N, C-alpha and C. Protein backbone atom coordinates (compact mmCIF):
# COMPACT_ATOMS: atom_id res chain seq x y z
N MET A 1 0.79 -1.19 0.00
CA MET A 1 -0.03 -0.04 -0.03
C MET A 1 0.86 1.31 -0.05
N PHE A 2 1.92 1.28 0.78
CA PHE A 2 2.75 2.45 0.92
C PHE A 2 3.38 2.62 -0.46
N ARG A 3 3.92 1.58 -1.14
CA ARG A 3 4.53 1.81 -2.49
C ARG A 3 3.47 2.37 -3.39
N GLY A 4 2.20 1.92 -3.33
CA GLY A 4 1.25 2.49 -4.29
C GLY A 4 0.95 3.90 -4.04
N LEU A 5 1.03 4.32 -2.72
CA LEU A 5 0.82 5.71 -2.42
C LEU A 5 1.94 6.63 -2.93
N VAL A 6 3.14 6.10 -2.73
CA VAL A 6 4.31 6.85 -3.30
C VAL A 6 4.25 6.96 -4.77
N LEU A 7 3.95 5.87 -5.48
CA LEU A 7 3.88 5.97 -7.00
C LEU A 7 2.76 6.97 -7.39
N LYS A 8 1.57 6.89 -6.67
CA LYS A 8 0.52 7.86 -7.00
C LYS A 8 0.98 9.33 -6.83
N GLU A 9 1.78 9.55 -5.78
CA GLU A 9 2.25 10.93 -5.56
C GLU A 9 3.22 11.32 -6.67
N LEU A 10 4.16 10.40 -7.00
CA LEU A 10 5.15 10.70 -8.08
C LEU A 10 4.51 11.02 -9.36
N ARG A 11 3.39 10.27 -9.65
CA ARG A 11 2.65 10.57 -10.89
C ARG A 11 2.16 12.01 -10.95
N GLU A 12 1.77 12.53 -9.79
CA GLU A 12 1.17 13.76 -9.73
C GLU A 12 2.17 14.99 -9.66
N ILE A 13 3.31 14.69 -9.18
CA ILE A 13 4.30 15.79 -8.94
C ILE A 13 5.59 15.82 -9.81
N TRP A 14 5.90 14.67 -10.49
CA TRP A 14 7.20 14.51 -11.10
C TRP A 14 7.43 15.79 -12.08
N TRP A 15 6.43 16.29 -12.69
CA TRP A 15 6.61 17.35 -13.72
C TRP A 15 7.04 18.70 -13.11
N LEU A 16 6.73 18.89 -11.74
CA LEU A 16 7.16 20.07 -11.11
C LEU A 16 8.65 20.24 -11.06
N GLY A 17 9.42 19.09 -11.12
CA GLY A 17 10.87 19.18 -11.01
C GLY A 17 11.61 19.37 -12.31
N LEU A 18 10.86 19.39 -13.47
CA LEU A 18 11.48 19.46 -14.78
C LEU A 18 12.23 20.80 -14.95
N LEU A 19 11.54 21.91 -14.70
CA LEU A 19 12.19 23.21 -14.93
C LEU A 19 13.33 23.40 -13.99
N PRO A 20 13.15 23.21 -12.62
CA PRO A 20 14.35 23.28 -11.79
C PRO A 20 15.55 22.43 -12.14
N LEU A 21 15.31 21.21 -12.57
CA LEU A 21 16.28 20.36 -12.98
C LEU A 21 16.97 20.94 -14.25
N ALA A 22 16.30 21.38 -15.15
CA ALA A 22 16.97 22.04 -16.37
C ALA A 22 17.84 23.21 -15.98
N VAL A 23 17.36 24.05 -15.09
CA VAL A 23 18.14 25.19 -14.59
C VAL A 23 19.41 24.77 -13.92
N MET A 24 19.27 23.76 -12.97
CA MET A 24 20.45 23.38 -12.26
C MET A 24 21.41 22.68 -13.12
N ILE A 25 20.99 21.88 -14.19
CA ILE A 25 21.94 21.32 -15.06
C ILE A 25 22.65 22.28 -15.84
N HIS A 26 21.99 23.38 -16.25
CA HIS A 26 22.62 24.44 -17.00
C HIS A 26 23.69 25.10 -16.15
N VAL A 27 23.32 25.42 -14.85
CA VAL A 27 24.30 26.10 -13.91
C VAL A 27 25.51 25.21 -13.67
N THR A 28 25.29 23.97 -13.48
CA THR A 28 26.49 23.09 -13.18
C THR A 28 27.39 22.92 -14.38
N PHE A 29 26.81 22.79 -15.65
CA PHE A 29 27.65 22.74 -16.76
C PHE A 29 28.41 23.99 -16.96
N ARG A 30 27.82 25.22 -16.73
CA ARG A 30 28.46 26.51 -16.81
C ARG A 30 29.54 26.58 -15.75
N GLU A 31 29.28 26.11 -14.54
CA GLU A 31 30.25 26.13 -13.46
C GLU A 31 31.53 25.29 -13.85
N ALA A 32 31.27 24.19 -14.58
CA ALA A 32 32.29 23.36 -14.92
C ALA A 32 33.06 23.86 -16.11
N GLY A 33 32.47 24.94 -16.75
CA GLY A 33 33.14 25.49 -17.98
C GLY A 33 32.87 24.59 -19.17
N ARG A 34 31.73 23.89 -19.20
CA ARG A 34 31.54 22.96 -20.32
C ARG A 34 30.33 23.42 -21.09
N ASP A 35 30.26 23.14 -22.35
CA ASP A 35 29.05 23.29 -23.23
C ASP A 35 28.09 22.23 -22.81
N LEU A 36 26.86 22.72 -22.66
CA LEU A 36 25.72 21.81 -22.26
C LEU A 36 25.50 20.76 -23.27
N LEU A 37 25.51 21.01 -24.48
CA LEU A 37 25.13 20.01 -25.53
C LEU A 37 26.35 19.07 -25.84
N SER A 38 27.51 19.71 -26.08
CA SER A 38 28.53 18.86 -26.59
C SER A 38 29.47 18.37 -25.39
N GLY A 39 29.45 19.11 -24.28
CA GLY A 39 30.30 18.67 -23.16
C GLY A 39 31.76 19.18 -23.38
N ALA A 40 32.06 19.96 -24.48
CA ALA A 40 33.36 20.52 -24.79
C ALA A 40 33.61 21.72 -23.92
N VAL A 41 34.87 22.06 -23.60
CA VAL A 41 35.28 23.22 -22.87
C VAL A 41 34.85 24.51 -23.61
N ARG A 42 34.19 25.39 -22.84
CA ARG A 42 33.60 26.58 -23.42
C ARG A 42 34.76 27.53 -23.86
N ASP A 43 35.50 27.93 -22.94
CA ASP A 43 36.67 28.85 -23.22
C ASP A 43 37.67 28.74 -22.10
N LEU A 44 38.77 29.40 -22.26
CA LEU A 44 39.81 29.33 -21.22
C LEU A 44 39.43 29.89 -19.90
N ASN A 45 38.65 31.04 -19.93
CA ASN A 45 38.26 31.67 -18.71
C ASN A 45 37.41 30.79 -17.94
N TYR A 46 36.40 30.14 -18.46
CA TYR A 46 35.54 29.26 -17.69
C TYR A 46 36.29 27.99 -17.27
N TRP A 47 37.24 27.57 -18.10
CA TRP A 47 37.99 26.38 -17.76
C TRP A 47 38.82 26.64 -16.49
N GLN A 48 39.39 27.88 -16.38
CA GLN A 48 40.35 28.10 -15.25
C GLN A 48 39.48 28.42 -13.95
N LYS A 49 38.23 28.67 -14.08
CA LYS A 49 37.45 28.94 -12.91
C LYS A 49 37.40 27.84 -11.96
N MET A 50 37.57 28.03 -10.65
CA MET A 50 37.58 26.91 -9.70
C MET A 50 36.03 26.68 -9.40
N PRO A 51 35.54 25.34 -9.60
CA PRO A 51 34.19 25.04 -9.28
C PRO A 51 33.84 25.41 -7.77
N PHE A 52 32.63 26.00 -7.61
CA PHE A 52 32.16 26.37 -6.28
C PHE A 52 32.93 27.57 -5.66
N ALA A 53 33.80 28.16 -6.48
CA ALA A 53 34.58 29.25 -5.97
C ALA A 53 33.76 30.46 -5.58
N ASP A 54 32.56 30.64 -6.28
CA ASP A 54 31.72 31.76 -5.90
C ASP A 54 30.39 31.16 -5.49
N SER A 55 29.42 32.02 -5.38
CA SER A 55 28.07 31.49 -4.84
C SER A 55 27.08 31.23 -5.94
N GLN A 56 27.44 31.10 -7.15
CA GLN A 56 26.54 30.99 -8.23
C GLN A 56 25.67 29.70 -8.08
N VAL A 57 26.35 28.58 -7.81
CA VAL A 57 25.64 27.28 -7.69
C VAL A 57 24.70 27.29 -6.45
N ALA A 58 25.24 27.89 -5.37
CA ALA A 58 24.46 28.00 -4.15
C ALA A 58 23.25 28.87 -4.33
N TYR A 59 23.28 29.96 -4.98
CA TYR A 59 22.20 30.92 -5.18
C TYR A 59 21.17 30.18 -6.10
N SER A 60 21.62 29.51 -7.12
CA SER A 60 20.76 28.74 -7.95
C SER A 60 20.02 27.61 -7.21
N ALA A 61 20.80 26.90 -6.34
CA ALA A 61 20.17 25.82 -5.57
C ALA A 61 19.12 26.46 -4.65
N LEU A 62 19.40 27.64 -4.06
CA LEU A 62 18.46 28.28 -3.09
C LEU A 62 17.25 28.70 -3.82
N GLN A 63 17.45 29.35 -5.03
CA GLN A 63 16.19 29.81 -5.74
C GLN A 63 15.36 28.67 -6.23
N CYS A 64 16.01 27.78 -6.91
CA CYS A 64 15.25 26.64 -7.53
C CYS A 64 14.72 25.79 -6.39
N GLY A 65 15.46 25.50 -5.32
CA GLY A 65 14.98 24.62 -4.23
C GLY A 65 13.78 25.24 -3.52
N CYS A 66 13.79 26.52 -3.16
CA CYS A 66 12.76 27.17 -2.47
C CYS A 66 11.48 27.28 -3.23
N LEU A 67 11.55 27.60 -4.51
CA LEU A 67 10.41 27.59 -5.39
C LEU A 67 9.83 26.24 -5.58
N LEU A 68 10.63 25.25 -5.93
CA LEU A 68 10.19 23.84 -6.10
C LEU A 68 9.61 23.30 -4.75
N ALA A 69 10.25 23.53 -3.66
CA ALA A 69 9.75 22.96 -2.42
C ALA A 69 8.43 23.55 -2.03
N ALA A 70 8.24 24.83 -2.17
CA ALA A 70 6.97 25.47 -1.85
C ALA A 70 5.82 24.93 -2.79
N ALA A 71 6.25 24.83 -4.06
CA ALA A 71 5.25 24.32 -5.00
C ALA A 71 4.84 22.93 -4.69
N LEU A 72 5.81 22.04 -4.32
CA LEU A 72 5.46 20.65 -3.96
C LEU A 72 4.53 20.63 -2.78
N GLY A 73 4.93 21.35 -1.73
CA GLY A 73 4.08 21.31 -0.47
C GLY A 73 2.71 21.76 -0.66
N LEU A 74 2.51 22.80 -1.40
CA LEU A 74 1.16 23.31 -1.77
C LEU A 74 0.42 22.34 -2.66
N TRP A 75 1.08 21.85 -3.70
CA TRP A 75 0.37 20.97 -4.58
C TRP A 75 -0.05 19.68 -3.99
N GLN A 76 0.72 19.13 -3.07
CA GLN A 76 0.41 17.78 -2.54
C GLN A 76 -0.73 17.96 -1.51
N THR A 77 -1.05 19.15 -1.03
CA THR A 77 -2.06 19.34 -0.02
C THR A 77 -3.29 20.06 -0.45
N PHE A 78 -3.00 21.23 -1.00
CA PHE A 78 -4.12 22.10 -1.49
C PHE A 78 -4.89 21.49 -2.65
N ARG A 79 -4.11 20.77 -3.57
CA ARG A 79 -4.71 20.06 -4.64
C ARG A 79 -5.67 19.03 -4.13
N GLU A 80 -5.39 18.25 -3.09
CA GLU A 80 -6.19 17.27 -2.52
C GLU A 80 -7.47 17.83 -1.96
N SER A 81 -7.40 19.03 -1.38
CA SER A 81 -8.46 19.71 -0.79
C SER A 81 -9.37 20.19 -1.97
N GLN A 82 -8.89 20.79 -3.01
CA GLN A 82 -9.66 21.34 -4.04
C GLN A 82 -10.30 20.26 -4.91
N GLY A 83 -9.63 19.06 -5.02
CA GLY A 83 -10.12 18.01 -5.85
C GLY A 83 -10.94 17.09 -5.06
N HIS A 84 -11.13 17.35 -3.71
CA HIS A 84 -11.90 16.48 -2.82
C HIS A 84 -11.53 15.04 -2.90
N THR A 85 -10.14 14.79 -2.80
CA THR A 85 -9.65 13.51 -2.97
C THR A 85 -9.11 13.06 -1.58
N TRP A 86 -9.25 13.87 -0.54
CA TRP A 86 -8.79 13.48 0.78
C TRP A 86 -9.61 12.26 1.30
N HIS A 87 -10.88 12.30 1.14
CA HIS A 87 -11.67 11.17 1.64
C HIS A 87 -11.28 9.97 1.00
N PHE A 88 -11.05 9.94 -0.33
CA PHE A 88 -10.57 8.68 -1.04
C PHE A 88 -9.28 8.19 -0.37
N LEU A 89 -8.32 9.10 -0.11
CA LEU A 89 -7.10 8.63 0.52
C LEU A 89 -7.24 8.10 1.90
N LEU A 90 -8.10 8.84 2.68
CA LEU A 90 -8.26 8.56 4.13
C LEU A 90 -9.06 7.25 4.28
N HIS A 91 -9.67 6.72 3.33
CA HIS A 91 -10.46 5.47 3.49
C HIS A 91 -9.74 4.37 2.82
N ARG A 92 -8.43 4.50 2.48
CA ARG A 92 -7.60 3.40 2.13
C ARG A 92 -7.13 2.71 3.35
N PRO A 93 -6.68 1.41 3.28
CA PRO A 93 -6.25 0.70 4.45
C PRO A 93 -4.81 1.12 4.88
N ALA A 94 -4.69 2.47 5.15
CA ALA A 94 -3.40 3.00 5.54
C ALA A 94 -3.70 4.18 6.47
N ASN A 95 -3.02 4.37 7.52
CA ASN A 95 -3.19 5.45 8.40
C ASN A 95 -2.67 6.79 7.88
N ARG A 96 -3.11 7.87 8.54
CA ARG A 96 -2.73 9.10 7.99
C ARG A 96 -1.17 9.46 8.07
N GLN A 97 -0.49 8.83 9.02
CA GLN A 97 0.96 9.01 9.03
C GLN A 97 1.58 8.36 7.78
N ALA A 98 1.07 7.18 7.39
CA ALA A 98 1.62 6.53 6.24
C ALA A 98 1.34 7.34 4.93
N ILE A 99 0.18 8.04 4.88
CA ILE A 99 -0.05 8.91 3.75
C ILE A 99 0.88 10.09 3.74
N LEU A 100 1.06 10.69 4.85
CA LEU A 100 1.95 11.70 5.02
C LEU A 100 3.46 11.29 4.67
N GLY A 101 3.78 10.09 5.04
CA GLY A 101 5.15 9.55 4.75
C GLY A 101 5.31 9.33 3.25
N ALA A 102 4.24 8.83 2.63
CA ALA A 102 4.34 8.75 1.13
C ALA A 102 4.46 10.09 0.37
N LYS A 103 3.77 11.06 0.85
CA LYS A 103 3.96 12.37 0.28
C LYS A 103 5.42 12.90 0.47
N LEU A 104 5.91 12.68 1.64
CA LEU A 104 7.25 13.19 1.95
C LEU A 104 8.27 12.46 1.12
N THR A 105 8.13 11.14 0.94
CA THR A 105 9.00 10.29 0.19
C THR A 105 9.04 10.75 -1.31
N ALA A 106 7.88 10.86 -1.84
CA ALA A 106 7.80 11.31 -3.24
C ALA A 106 8.40 12.60 -3.53
N ALA A 107 8.04 13.57 -2.62
CA ALA A 107 8.61 14.94 -2.79
C ALA A 107 10.10 14.89 -2.62
N ALA A 108 10.64 14.15 -1.68
CA ALA A 108 12.01 14.05 -1.47
C ALA A 108 12.79 13.54 -2.67
N ALA A 109 12.11 12.59 -3.37
CA ALA A 109 12.73 11.93 -4.61
C ALA A 109 12.81 13.02 -5.71
N VAL A 110 11.74 13.70 -5.81
CA VAL A 110 11.79 14.74 -6.98
C VAL A 110 12.72 15.86 -6.55
N TYR A 111 12.74 16.26 -5.36
CA TYR A 111 13.70 17.35 -4.88
C TYR A 111 15.10 17.02 -5.06
N LEU A 112 15.44 15.81 -4.57
CA LEU A 112 16.86 15.39 -4.61
C LEU A 112 17.31 15.20 -6.06
N LEU A 113 16.50 14.76 -6.96
CA LEU A 113 16.95 14.60 -8.33
C LEU A 113 17.05 15.94 -8.99
N SER A 114 16.09 16.84 -8.76
CA SER A 114 16.09 18.12 -9.43
C SER A 114 17.16 19.13 -8.92
N VAL A 115 17.31 19.29 -7.61
CA VAL A 115 18.02 20.32 -6.97
C VAL A 115 19.46 19.82 -6.42
N VAL A 116 19.44 18.66 -5.89
CA VAL A 116 20.68 18.17 -5.16
C VAL A 116 21.55 17.38 -6.04
N MET A 117 21.02 16.61 -6.93
CA MET A 117 21.82 15.74 -7.77
C MET A 117 22.77 16.50 -8.70
N PRO A 118 22.36 17.61 -9.39
CA PRO A 118 23.33 18.30 -10.28
C PRO A 118 24.55 18.84 -9.58
N PRO A 119 24.45 19.56 -8.46
CA PRO A 119 25.60 20.03 -7.73
C PRO A 119 26.44 18.89 -7.17
N LEU A 120 25.78 17.83 -6.76
CA LEU A 120 26.59 16.65 -6.26
C LEU A 120 27.37 16.06 -7.32
N CYS A 121 26.87 15.94 -8.50
CA CYS A 121 27.65 15.36 -9.64
C CYS A 121 28.75 16.29 -9.91
N LEU A 122 28.51 17.57 -9.89
CA LEU A 122 29.60 18.57 -10.15
C LEU A 122 30.73 18.47 -9.14
N ALA A 123 30.35 18.34 -7.86
CA ALA A 123 31.30 18.20 -6.81
C ALA A 123 32.12 16.94 -6.99
N LEU A 124 31.49 15.79 -7.31
CA LEU A 124 32.24 14.54 -7.51
C LEU A 124 33.11 14.72 -8.75
N TRP A 125 32.68 15.33 -9.72
CA TRP A 125 33.57 15.61 -10.94
C TRP A 125 34.77 16.47 -10.56
N ALA A 126 34.54 17.55 -9.88
CA ALA A 126 35.58 18.47 -9.44
C ALA A 126 36.59 17.75 -8.56
N ALA A 127 36.09 16.85 -7.72
CA ALA A 127 37.04 16.13 -6.75
C ALA A 127 37.77 15.08 -7.45
N THR A 128 37.55 14.73 -8.68
CA THR A 128 38.20 13.71 -9.39
C THR A 128 39.45 14.30 -10.02
N ALA A 129 40.54 13.59 -9.75
CA ALA A 129 41.85 14.02 -10.21
C ALA A 129 41.91 14.13 -11.79
N GLY A 130 42.43 15.20 -12.39
CA GLY A 130 42.63 15.30 -13.74
C GLY A 130 41.48 15.90 -14.51
N THR A 131 40.37 16.32 -13.89
CA THR A 131 39.25 16.88 -14.57
C THR A 131 39.31 18.41 -14.83
N HIS A 132 40.12 19.13 -14.03
CA HIS A 132 40.28 20.52 -14.23
C HIS A 132 41.55 20.90 -13.52
N PRO A 133 42.19 22.04 -13.97
CA PRO A 133 43.47 22.38 -13.39
C PRO A 133 43.48 23.11 -12.03
N SER A 134 42.28 23.50 -11.47
CA SER A 134 42.31 24.21 -10.24
C SER A 134 42.12 23.33 -9.07
N PRO A 135 42.57 23.71 -7.85
CA PRO A 135 42.39 22.83 -6.70
C PRO A 135 40.92 22.85 -6.24
N PHE A 136 40.65 21.71 -5.48
CA PHE A 136 39.25 21.66 -5.03
C PHE A 136 39.24 21.07 -3.60
N ALA A 137 38.44 21.65 -2.77
CA ALA A 137 38.12 21.18 -1.35
C ALA A 137 36.61 21.02 -1.15
N TRP A 138 36.24 20.05 -0.51
CA TRP A 138 34.82 19.78 -0.26
C TRP A 138 34.13 20.85 0.58
N SER A 139 35.03 21.64 1.40
CA SER A 139 34.42 22.72 2.17
C SER A 139 33.85 23.82 1.31
N LEU A 140 34.28 23.88 -0.01
CA LEU A 140 33.72 24.92 -0.91
C LEU A 140 32.20 24.65 -1.12
N THR A 141 31.83 23.44 -0.88
CA THR A 141 30.37 23.18 -1.27
C THR A 141 29.47 23.38 -0.09
N ASP A 142 30.01 23.80 1.08
CA ASP A 142 29.17 23.92 2.27
C ASP A 142 27.94 24.78 2.06
N THR A 143 28.21 25.94 1.45
CA THR A 143 27.07 26.84 1.22
C THR A 143 26.00 26.29 0.30
N THR A 144 26.45 25.49 -0.71
CA THR A 144 25.50 24.92 -1.60
C THR A 144 24.59 23.88 -0.93
N TRP A 145 25.15 23.10 -0.04
CA TRP A 145 24.35 22.05 0.64
C TRP A 145 23.38 22.77 1.59
N TYR A 146 23.72 23.78 2.29
CA TYR A 146 22.85 24.60 3.07
C TYR A 146 21.73 25.22 2.23
N ALA A 147 22.10 25.80 1.07
CA ALA A 147 21.03 26.42 0.26
C ALA A 147 20.10 25.36 -0.29
N ALA A 148 20.57 24.18 -0.58
CA ALA A 148 19.56 23.16 -0.97
C ALA A 148 18.73 22.65 0.15
N ALA A 149 19.28 22.62 1.30
CA ALA A 149 18.54 22.16 2.56
C ALA A 149 17.47 23.18 2.95
N ALA A 150 17.64 24.43 2.64
CA ALA A 150 16.67 25.50 2.99
C ALA A 150 15.32 25.20 2.39
N GLY A 151 15.33 24.40 1.29
CA GLY A 151 14.03 24.12 0.66
C GLY A 151 13.17 23.25 1.51
N THR A 152 13.73 22.55 2.44
CA THR A 152 12.90 21.59 3.28
C THR A 152 11.95 22.44 4.16
N THR A 153 12.29 23.65 4.59
CA THR A 153 11.42 24.50 5.39
C THR A 153 10.29 24.96 4.47
N LEU A 154 10.55 25.40 3.26
CA LEU A 154 9.53 25.90 2.42
C LEU A 154 8.65 24.74 2.08
N TYR A 155 9.06 23.57 1.97
CA TYR A 155 8.17 22.48 1.63
C TYR A 155 7.24 22.22 2.83
N LEU A 156 7.75 22.07 4.06
CA LEU A 156 6.85 21.89 5.16
C LEU A 156 5.85 22.98 5.41
N ALA A 157 6.36 24.29 5.20
CA ALA A 157 5.54 25.42 5.33
C ALA A 157 4.38 25.36 4.24
N GLY A 158 4.72 24.90 3.12
CA GLY A 158 3.66 24.85 1.95
C GLY A 158 2.67 23.75 2.30
N MET A 159 3.17 22.63 2.92
CA MET A 159 2.27 21.59 3.27
C MET A 159 1.25 22.08 4.39
N PHE A 160 1.85 22.81 5.34
CA PHE A 160 1.01 23.24 6.47
C PHE A 160 -0.03 24.31 5.97
N ALA A 161 0.35 25.16 5.05
CA ALA A 161 -0.55 26.12 4.46
C ALA A 161 -1.60 25.37 3.71
N GLY A 162 -1.30 24.33 2.99
CA GLY A 162 -2.28 23.63 2.22
C GLY A 162 -3.20 22.80 3.04
N LEU A 163 -2.68 22.42 4.27
CA LEU A 163 -3.60 21.56 5.18
C LEU A 163 -4.51 22.41 6.01
N ARG A 164 -4.15 23.62 6.39
CA ARG A 164 -4.88 24.53 7.28
C ARG A 164 -6.19 24.84 6.74
N ARG A 165 -7.10 25.02 7.63
CA ARG A 165 -8.44 25.38 7.17
C ARG A 165 -8.49 26.96 6.99
N GLY A 166 -9.32 27.43 6.15
CA GLY A 166 -9.42 28.97 5.93
C GLY A 166 -9.11 29.29 4.47
N ARG A 167 -9.17 30.57 4.18
CA ARG A 167 -8.85 31.05 2.85
C ARG A 167 -7.43 30.93 2.51
N LEU A 168 -7.15 30.42 1.27
CA LEU A 168 -5.73 30.29 0.89
C LEU A 168 -5.03 31.61 1.03
N TYR A 169 -5.61 32.72 0.61
CA TYR A 169 -4.90 34.02 0.62
C TYR A 169 -5.03 34.74 2.00
N GLY A 170 -5.36 34.02 3.02
CA GLY A 170 -5.54 34.61 4.31
C GLY A 170 -4.37 34.19 5.24
N SER A 171 -4.70 33.96 6.43
CA SER A 171 -3.64 33.67 7.48
C SER A 171 -3.04 32.30 7.24
N ARG A 172 -3.66 31.39 6.53
CA ARG A 172 -2.96 30.13 6.39
C ARG A 172 -1.68 30.14 5.52
N MET A 173 -1.48 31.32 4.82
CA MET A 173 -0.25 31.45 4.04
C MET A 173 0.94 32.10 4.85
N TRP A 174 0.57 32.49 6.04
CA TRP A 174 1.62 33.24 6.92
C TRP A 174 2.86 32.33 7.12
N PRO A 175 2.73 31.06 7.55
CA PRO A 175 3.92 30.19 7.72
C PRO A 175 4.82 30.10 6.49
N LEU A 176 4.22 30.01 5.35
CA LEU A 176 4.89 29.92 4.05
C LEU A 176 5.66 31.20 3.76
N LEU A 177 5.01 32.26 3.99
CA LEU A 177 5.55 33.61 3.67
C LEU A 177 6.72 33.87 4.68
N GLY A 178 6.48 33.48 5.96
CA GLY A 178 7.58 33.72 7.02
C GLY A 178 8.71 32.88 6.73
N ALA A 179 8.60 31.55 6.30
CA ALA A 179 9.68 30.71 5.99
C ALA A 179 10.44 31.23 4.72
N GLY A 180 9.67 31.83 3.75
CA GLY A 180 10.28 32.37 2.61
C GLY A 180 11.19 33.51 2.86
N VAL A 181 10.69 34.34 3.71
CA VAL A 181 11.52 35.47 4.11
C VAL A 181 12.69 35.12 4.92
N LEU A 182 12.56 34.27 5.89
CA LEU A 182 13.65 33.86 6.75
C LEU A 182 14.77 33.01 6.06
N PHE A 183 14.32 32.02 5.30
CA PHE A 183 15.33 31.18 4.64
C PHE A 183 15.53 31.39 3.21
N GLY A 184 14.47 31.97 2.46
CA GLY A 184 14.75 32.31 1.04
C GLY A 184 15.39 33.58 0.85
N ILE A 185 15.06 34.63 1.63
CA ILE A 185 15.70 35.89 1.44
C ILE A 185 16.76 36.09 2.55
N GLY A 186 16.54 35.72 3.71
CA GLY A 186 17.51 35.86 4.74
C GLY A 186 18.76 35.21 4.54
N THR A 187 18.78 34.08 3.83
CA THR A 187 19.98 33.26 3.59
C THR A 187 20.93 34.05 2.73
N VAL A 188 20.40 34.83 1.85
CA VAL A 188 21.29 35.61 0.91
C VAL A 188 22.02 36.63 1.62
N VAL A 189 21.38 37.32 2.65
CA VAL A 189 22.01 38.53 3.23
C VAL A 189 22.88 38.08 4.51
N ILE A 190 22.61 36.89 5.10
CA ILE A 190 23.38 36.45 6.32
C ILE A 190 24.78 35.94 5.86
N PRO A 191 25.86 36.41 6.57
CA PRO A 191 27.15 36.04 6.16
C PRO A 191 27.36 34.51 6.34
N TYR A 192 28.06 33.95 5.35
CA TYR A 192 28.15 32.47 5.34
C TYR A 192 29.09 31.98 6.41
N ASN A 193 29.72 32.83 7.09
CA ASN A 193 30.54 32.30 8.28
C ASN A 193 29.66 31.98 9.47
N CYS A 194 28.33 32.30 9.30
CA CYS A 194 27.41 31.90 10.35
C CYS A 194 26.65 30.57 9.98
N LEU A 195 27.23 29.71 9.19
CA LEU A 195 26.50 28.57 8.70
C LEU A 195 26.15 27.65 9.87
N THR A 196 26.94 27.50 10.93
CA THR A 196 26.54 26.74 12.09
C THR A 196 25.28 27.10 12.67
N TRP A 197 25.08 28.42 12.90
CA TRP A 197 23.88 28.93 13.45
C TRP A 197 22.65 28.77 12.47
N MET A 198 23.01 28.92 11.22
CA MET A 198 22.01 28.84 10.15
C MET A 198 21.39 27.43 10.12
N TRP A 199 22.33 26.45 10.24
CA TRP A 199 21.92 25.04 10.25
C TRP A 199 21.04 24.73 11.45
N THR A 200 21.47 25.28 12.62
CA THR A 200 20.70 25.10 13.81
C THR A 200 19.37 25.65 13.73
N VAL A 201 19.18 26.81 13.17
CA VAL A 201 17.87 27.40 13.09
C VAL A 201 17.02 26.68 12.10
N LEU A 202 17.63 26.21 11.00
CA LEU A 202 16.92 25.40 9.95
C LEU A 202 16.35 24.09 10.51
N LEU A 203 17.20 23.42 11.22
CA LEU A 203 16.82 22.16 11.80
C LEU A 203 15.69 22.23 12.82
N LEU A 204 15.78 23.31 13.69
CA LEU A 204 14.81 23.51 14.69
C LEU A 204 13.43 23.92 14.04
N TRP A 205 13.51 24.72 13.07
CA TRP A 205 12.27 25.21 12.25
C TRP A 205 11.70 24.05 11.64
N ASP A 206 12.43 23.22 10.97
CA ASP A 206 11.98 22.04 10.29
C ASP A 206 11.27 21.10 11.24
N LEU A 207 11.80 20.93 12.42
CA LEU A 207 11.22 20.03 13.47
C LEU A 207 9.91 20.49 13.94
N LEU A 208 9.83 21.85 14.16
CA LEU A 208 8.55 22.42 14.62
C LEU A 208 7.50 22.31 13.46
N LEU A 209 7.85 22.55 12.26
CA LEU A 209 6.93 22.52 11.14
C LEU A 209 6.51 21.09 10.96
N ALA A 210 7.44 20.13 11.04
CA ALA A 210 7.05 18.68 10.89
C ALA A 210 6.02 18.30 11.82
N PHE A 211 6.15 18.72 13.10
CA PHE A 211 5.09 18.28 14.09
C PHE A 211 3.81 19.07 13.82
N ALA A 212 3.94 20.33 13.33
CA ALA A 212 2.74 21.00 13.03
C ALA A 212 1.92 20.39 11.84
N VAL A 213 2.65 19.96 10.82
CA VAL A 213 2.05 19.35 9.67
C VAL A 213 1.40 17.95 10.15
N ARG A 214 2.11 17.17 10.92
CA ARG A 214 1.67 15.95 11.32
C ARG A 214 0.31 16.15 12.24
N ASP A 215 0.35 16.97 13.03
CA ASP A 215 -0.80 17.31 14.02
C ASP A 215 -2.01 17.82 13.16
N GLU A 216 -1.79 18.65 12.14
CA GLU A 216 -2.82 19.22 11.37
C GLU A 216 -3.48 18.20 10.48
N LEU A 217 -2.60 17.19 10.00
CA LEU A 217 -3.25 16.16 9.22
C LEU A 217 -4.01 15.18 10.03
N LEU A 218 -3.49 14.87 11.26
CA LEU A 218 -4.23 13.92 12.15
C LEU A 218 -5.52 14.56 12.61
N ALA A 219 -5.62 15.89 12.78
CA ALA A 219 -6.75 16.47 13.41
C ALA A 219 -7.79 16.87 12.39
N ALA A 220 -7.43 17.07 11.12
CA ALA A 220 -8.35 17.58 10.10
C ALA A 220 -9.38 16.51 9.73
N ASP A 221 -10.60 17.09 9.56
CA ASP A 221 -11.71 16.16 9.08
C ASP A 221 -11.93 16.26 7.54
N PHE A 222 -11.37 17.28 6.90
CA PHE A 222 -11.55 17.39 5.42
C PHE A 222 -12.94 17.31 4.91
N ASN A 223 -13.83 17.97 5.62
CA ASN A 223 -15.32 18.00 5.23
C ASN A 223 -15.40 18.94 4.08
């Protein structure tokens, strides 16, 4: 049953990751100094650039990740409410936590493939000896992983907004807007030497939102 629920979710959300995936692939090829179609070296300036030396990949991961995560969270919940399919789901031989787990699993698969996989492949390529003439250290990728992880908060906030009762353009959107300001915009202006504190805030916020989403789903009657 759980596998069926995950496949059902994937069928409904896979297309949301296509545009972010295309953007991230373009950015990673550009960062590597390669032509997207042929894979050939673009020019000497791009080739000499150290991968992850600036924040281009991190900013792209932040932008694509936050937008995709918010869209996934809202689509997986608000769409069920508008389509009146919650009753169908809740009368399957699976409890609500399993349904929530299936949604999280499917969204994580789409998000990892679209936002995390391209920079991970770039990092593995850059760490391989003989691929480019500049030095590489895994610490250069720290900001990129945090930028990608910031999307988790937008996803949970989107789910919470979609599950809450009330008008979509009213107070139910406040958690999503707050998360967007704090982690989508705030991450850009906060110095990256504060990454430890930023990870701490992110994990605590995710934990609180996860409990809020769980409680909202268990308590809702979806009439």
